[in-house]
Amino acid sequence: MTGYPPPTTPLTQALDNAPPGAGLPGLSAADCAAALGLDGLTVALIASTGFTELVWHDPADRIGPALDDLQFTLGEGPTPDVARTGLATLHTDLTDTPDTQWPAFTPAALGLGARALIALPLALGAIRLGVLSGHRTTPGALTTTQRGDLVTLTNAVAFLTLTAPEATVGLHSPHTDHVTLHRAEVHQATGVIAARQSLPLQTALLRLRAYAFSHDRDLLDVARAVLDGTLRHLNNGTPANE
């Protein structure tokens, strides 16, 4: 023991700035990302279905939520891999990723502007809570300090998720970085398809995702089209002509 307090870093400052009791919504995703030399960070929690739900990101971050939606639609990418295996993944340059690893996700992610991706498990022992993901539009590895800060952030996010779960699933506030049920309309559309076609919910969701992928459409847009009746064949199972 030296008797001196631990050094202050941009990340510890961002953690200290979070209001007490606010949980994950009170933590600035933008400040945390900047402290790690990243362009954006997201947190996706694992639902009882095994799928993930985006619950935290910087509202100004365009790429992070788009990457999350892309992985949800395709069922491949670092976030679903980490959610399934519990093993962290760091890709310093997506152009070096083997073609067979994420054949659909990698070119689409590059098209969104992502070059470097990281994903770490949020866990309590053997219990997997979710995934902390980060992205950057330029390739390159994290520094030693940034890697240490990333572990610190992962532990802090897991702690905030566990100690303030009511905040994590609370209503959206424009003054925080929290978005409740980012894919609420996807869940609603899944329920509509399942009810009208007498399908299990997971089968209905797979059908919704398959349509979005095969027609190169955003999953949320497809869900909204189901809800407003535009995609009638997804509602009632008739052949597609849209």
Protein backbone atom coordinates (compact mmCIF):
# COMPACT_ATOMS: atom_id res chain seq x y z
CA MET A 1 0.00 0.00 0.00
CA THR A 2 1.43 3.36 -1.00
CA GLY A 3 -1.14 5.45 0.82
CA TYR A 4 -2.02 7.28 -2.39
CA PRO A 5 -5.47 7.12 -4.03
CA PRO A 6 -5.72 5.25 -7.35
CA PRO A 7 -5.07 7.46 -10.40
CA THR A 8 -8.03 9.14 -12.05
CA THR A 9 -8.59 8.16 -15.69
CA PRO A 10 -11.21 9.39 -18.17
CA LEU A 11 -13.14 6.17 -17.55
CA THR A 12 -13.11 6.42 -13.76
CA GLN A 13 -14.23 10.04 -14.16
CA ALA A 14 -17.15 8.91 -16.35
CA LEU A 15 -18.08 6.29 -13.75
CA ASP A 16 -17.85 8.85 -10.95
CA ASN A 17 -20.12 11.24 -12.88
CA ALA A 18 -22.99 8.73 -12.94
CA PRO A 19 -25.71 9.84 -10.46
CA PRO A 20 -25.97 7.55 -7.43
CA GLY A 21 -28.89 5.14 -7.69
CA ALA A 22 -29.52 5.90 -11.37
CA GLY A 23 -28.22 2.52 -12.50
CA LEU A 24 -27.09 1.95 -16.05
CA PRO A 25 -29.24 4.76 -17.53
CA GLY A 26 -27.22 7.31 -15.56
CA LEU A 27 -23.92 6.25 -17.10
CA SER A 28 -22.85 8.18 -20.21
CA ALA A 29 -22.16 5.80 -23.09
CA ALA A 30 -20.49 8.61 -25.03
CA ASP A 31 -18.05 9.43 -22.21
CA CYS A 32 -17.23 5.77 -21.63
CA ALA A 33 -16.63 5.17 -25.33
CA ALA A 34 -14.37 8.22 -25.62
CA ALA A 35 -12.37 7.06 -22.59
CA LEU A 36 -11.72 3.74 -24.34
CA GLY A 37 -10.83 5.28 -27.70
CA LEU A 38 -14.02 3.93 -29.27
CA ASP A 39 -16.73 5.60 -31.33
CA GLY A 40 -19.59 3.91 -29.49
CA LEU A 41 -20.65 1.37 -26.89
CA THR A 42 -23.82 -0.68 -26.49
CA VAL A 43 -25.20 -3.05 -23.89
CA ALA A 44 -27.55 -5.86 -24.87
CA LEU A 45 -29.09 -8.01 -22.13
CA ILE A 46 -29.97 -11.65 -22.67
CA ALA A 47 -33.72 -12.32 -22.48
CA SER A 48 -35.30 -15.57 -21.32
CA THR A 49 -35.70 -16.54 -24.99
CA GLY A 50 -31.92 -16.47 -25.45
CA PHE A 51 -32.12 -13.46 -27.75
CA THR A 52 -30.57 -10.14 -26.75
CA GLU A 53 -32.28 -6.79 -26.21
CA LEU A 54 -30.45 -3.49 -26.67
CA VAL A 55 -30.84 -1.43 -23.48
CA TRP A 56 -28.00 1.16 -23.48
CA HIS A 57 -26.20 3.32 -26.02
CA ASP A 58 -25.41 6.92 -26.82
CA PRO A 59 -28.49 8.47 -28.48
CA ALA A 60 -26.18 10.17 -30.99
CA ASP A 61 -24.52 6.87 -31.95
CA ARG A 62 -25.87 5.76 -35.32
CA ILE A 63 -23.62 2.76 -35.92
CA GLY A 64 -23.95 0.97 -32.56
CA PRO A 65 -27.72 0.34 -32.67
CA ALA A 66 -27.51 -0.47 -36.39
CA LEU A 67 -24.88 -3.13 -35.69
CA ASP A 68 -27.02 -4.56 -32.90
CA ASP A 69 -30.10 -4.71 -35.14
CA LEU A 70 -28.04 -6.28 -37.91
CA GLN A 71 -26.80 -9.05 -35.63
CA PHE A 72 -30.29 -9.66 -34.29
CA THR A 73 -31.61 -10.00 -37.82
CA LEU A 74 -28.81 -12.24 -39.10
CA GLY A 75 -28.24 -14.26 -35.94
CA GLU A 76 -24.48 -13.89 -36.33
CA GLY A 77 -21.76 -11.51 -35.20
CA PRO A 78 -19.74 -10.83 -32.06
CA THR A 79 -22.71 -10.06 -29.80
CA PRO A 80 -24.63 -13.33 -30.36
CA ASP A 81 -21.32 -15.23 -30.22
CA VAL A 82 -20.43 -13.77 -26.83
CA ALA A 83 -23.99 -14.20 -25.55
CA ARG A 84 -23.80 -17.88 -26.50
CA THR A 85 -20.24 -18.74 -25.44
CA GLY A 86 -19.45 -16.23 -22.70
CA LEU A 87 -16.05 -15.59 -24.35
CA ALA A 88 -14.82 -12.11 -25.21
CA THR A 89 -13.89 -11.19 -28.77
CA LEU A 90 -11.77 -8.32 -30.03
CA HIS A 91 -11.45 -7.65 -33.75
CA THR A 92 -8.97 -4.88 -34.46
CA ASP A 93 -9.74 -4.87 -38.18
CA LEU A 94 -12.89 -6.41 -39.63
CA THR A 95 -11.29 -6.66 -43.06
CA ASP A 96 -9.03 -9.38 -41.61
CA THR A 97 -11.97 -11.46 -40.37
CA PRO A 98 -12.20 -14.87 -42.13
CA ASP A 99 -15.00 -15.00 -44.68
CA THR A 100 -16.44 -18.07 -43.02
CA GLN A 101 -16.75 -16.56 -39.54
CA TRP A 102 -19.60 -14.10 -40.16
CA PRO A 103 -20.30 -14.34 -43.90
CA ALA A 104 -23.36 -12.09 -43.84
CA PHE A 105 -22.53 -9.81 -40.92
CA THR A 106 -18.97 -8.75 -41.77
CA PRO A 107 -19.64 -7.12 -45.17
CA ALA A 108 -22.79 -5.48 -43.82
CA ALA A 109 -20.91 -4.13 -40.78
CA LEU A 110 -18.17 -2.75 -43.01
CA GLY A 111 -20.90 -1.13 -45.06
CA LEU A 112 -22.10 0.66 -41.94
CA GLY A 113 -18.60 2.04 -41.42
CA ALA A 114 -17.37 -0.25 -38.62
CA ARG A 115 -13.74 -1.39 -38.78
CA ALA A 116 -12.91 -2.49 -35.24
CA LEU A 117 -15.30 -4.36 -32.94
CA ILE A 118 -15.13 -5.64 -29.38
CA ALA A 119 -17.63 -7.65 -27.35
CA LEU A 120 -17.32 -8.78 -23.75
CA PRO A 121 -19.66 -10.87 -21.62
CA LEU A 122 -21.55 -9.34 -18.70
CA ALA A 123 -21.77 -12.11 -16.16
CA LEU A 124 -22.19 -13.03 -12.53
CA GLY A 125 -20.17 -16.18 -12.14
CA ALA A 126 -21.60 -18.67 -14.62
CA ILE A 127 -24.76 -16.59 -15.15
CA ARG A 128 -24.63 -14.63 -18.40
CA LEU A 129 -26.42 -11.30 -18.16
CA GLY A 130 -25.62 -9.75 -21.50
CA VAL A 131 -22.93 -8.31 -23.74
CA LEU A 132 -20.99 -5.04 -23.73
CA SER A 133 -20.03 -4.18 -27.31
CA GLY A 134 -17.92 -1.40 -28.78
CA HIS A 135 -17.07 -0.20 -32.26
CA ARG A 136 -14.72 2.14 -34.04
CA THR A 137 -14.60 3.37 -37.63
CA THR A 138 -10.81 3.02 -37.77
CA PRO A 139 -8.83 -0.22 -37.28
CA GLY A 140 -6.36 -0.73 -34.47
CA ALA A 141 -5.88 -2.38 -31.11
CA LEU A 142 -6.69 -0.92 -27.71
CA THR A 143 -3.81 0.25 -25.54
CA THR A 144 -2.88 -1.66 -22.40
CA THR A 145 -4.56 1.02 -20.29
CA GLN A 146 -7.71 0.91 -22.43
CA ARG A 147 -7.90 -2.86 -22.13
CA GLY A 148 -7.70 -2.59 -18.37
CA ASP A 149 -10.36 0.13 -18.38
CA LEU A 150 -12.56 -2.07 -20.56
CA VAL A 151 -12.52 -4.78 -17.89
CA THR A 152 -13.33 -2.15 -15.27
CA LEU A 153 -16.26 -0.89 -17.33
CA THR A 154 -17.56 -4.42 -17.91
CA ASN A 155 -17.59 -5.08 -14.17
CA ALA A 156 -19.24 -1.72 -13.48
CA VAL A 157 -21.98 -2.28 -16.07
CA ALA A 158 -22.72 -5.76 -14.71
CA PHE A 159 -22.91 -4.31 -11.19
CA LEU A 160 -25.25 -1.49 -12.27
CA THR A 161 -27.47 -3.95 -14.13
CA LEU A 162 -27.78 -6.16 -11.05
CA THR A 163 -28.10 -3.47 -8.39
CA ALA A 164 -30.61 -1.26 -10.19
CA PRO A 165 -32.63 -3.59 -12.45
CA GLU A 166 -35.69 -1.40 -12.10
CA ALA A 167 -33.75 1.42 -13.76
CA THR A 168 -32.41 -0.85 -16.48
CA VAL A 169 -35.92 -1.77 -17.60
CA GLY A 170 -37.45 1.60 -16.81
CA LEU A 171 -39.06 4.08 -19.16
CA HIS A 172 -36.96 5.96 -21.66
CA SER A 173 -35.68 9.34 -20.53
CA PRO A 174 -34.32 11.88 -23.02
CA HIS A 175 -31.75 12.87 -20.39
CA THR A 176 -30.10 9.44 -20.20
CA ASP A 177 -28.50 6.97 -22.57
CA HIS A 178 -31.14 4.33 -21.89
CA VAL A 179 -33.65 3.00 -24.39
CA THR A 180 -36.28 0.59 -23.12
CA LEU A 181 -37.18 -2.33 -25.39
CA HIS A 182 -35.40 -1.04 -28.46
CA ARG A 183 -37.15 -3.76 -30.44
CA ALA A 184 -40.59 -3.44 -28.85
CA GLU A 185 -42.29 -3.35 -32.27
CA VAL A 186 -40.40 -6.48 -33.31
CA HIS A 187 -41.80 -8.28 -30.27
CA GLN A 188 -45.30 -7.00 -31.04
CA ALA A 189 -45.07 -8.06 -34.70
CA THR A 190 -43.78 -11.47 -33.63
CA GLY A 191 -46.83 -11.88 -31.45
CA VAL A 192 -49.14 -10.90 -34.31
CA ILE A 193 -47.55 -13.42 -36.70
CA ALA A 194 -47.58 -16.15 -34.06
CA ALA A 195 -51.25 -15.59 -33.26
CA ARG A 196 -52.48 -15.37 -36.85
CA GLN A 197 -50.48 -18.30 -38.15
CA SER A 198 -50.66 -20.45 -34.98
CA LEU A 199 -46.88 -20.53 -34.70
CA PRO A 200 -44.57 -20.70 -31.69
CA LEU A 201 -43.10 -17.28 -30.90
CA GLN A 202 -39.56 -18.30 -31.82
CA THR A 203 -40.72 -19.62 -35.20
CA ALA A 204 -42.63 -16.40 -35.85
CA LEU A 205 -39.54 -14.36 -34.98
CA LEU A 206 -37.37 -16.45 -37.29
CA ARG A 207 -39.87 -15.86 -40.10
CA LEU A 208 -39.76 -12.11 -39.45
CA ARG A 209 -35.96 -12.07 -39.42
CA ALA A 210 -35.76 -14.19 -42.56
CA TYR A 211 -38.02 -11.79 -44.45
CA ALA A 212 -35.96 -8.78 -43.38
CA PHE A 213 -32.72 -10.46 -44.44
CA SER A 214 -33.94 -11.85 -47.75
CA HIS A 215 -35.45 -8.51 -48.75
CA ASP A 216 -32.51 -6.44 -47.43
CA ARG A 217 -34.81 -4.44 -45.18
CA ASP A 218 -34.38 -3.13 -41.67
CA LEU A 219 -36.00 -5.47 -39.15
CA LEU A 220 -37.81 -2.65 -37.36
CA ASP A 221 -39.27 -1.42 -40.65
CA VAL A 222 -40.55 -4.91 -41.44
CA ALA A 223 -42.08 -5.19 -37.98
CA ARG A 224 -43.88 -1.88 -38.44
CA ALA A 225 -45.17 -3.04 -41.82
CA VAL A 226 -46.60 -6.15 -40.17
CA LEU A 227 -48.27 -4.07 -37.49
CA ASP A 228 -49.84 -1.63 -39.94
CA GLY A 229 -50.97 -4.45 -42.25
CA THR A 230 -48.69 -3.58 -45.17
CA LEU A 231 -47.05 -7.03 -45.17
CA ARG A 232 -50.28 -9.01 -45.20
CA HIS A 233 -48.65 -12.34 -46.11
CA LEU A 234 -46.57 -12.24 -42.94
CA ASN A 235 -49.74 -11.64 -41.00
CA ASN A 236 -51.83 -14.42 -42.50
CA GLY A 237 -49.35 -16.79 -44.13
CA THR A 238 -50.43 -16.15 -47.73
CA PRO A 239 -47.76 -16.18 -50.48
CA ALA A 240 -45.58 -13.09 -50.64
CA ASN A 241 -45.97 -10.70 -53.53
CA GLU A 242 -44.74 -7.53 -51.81
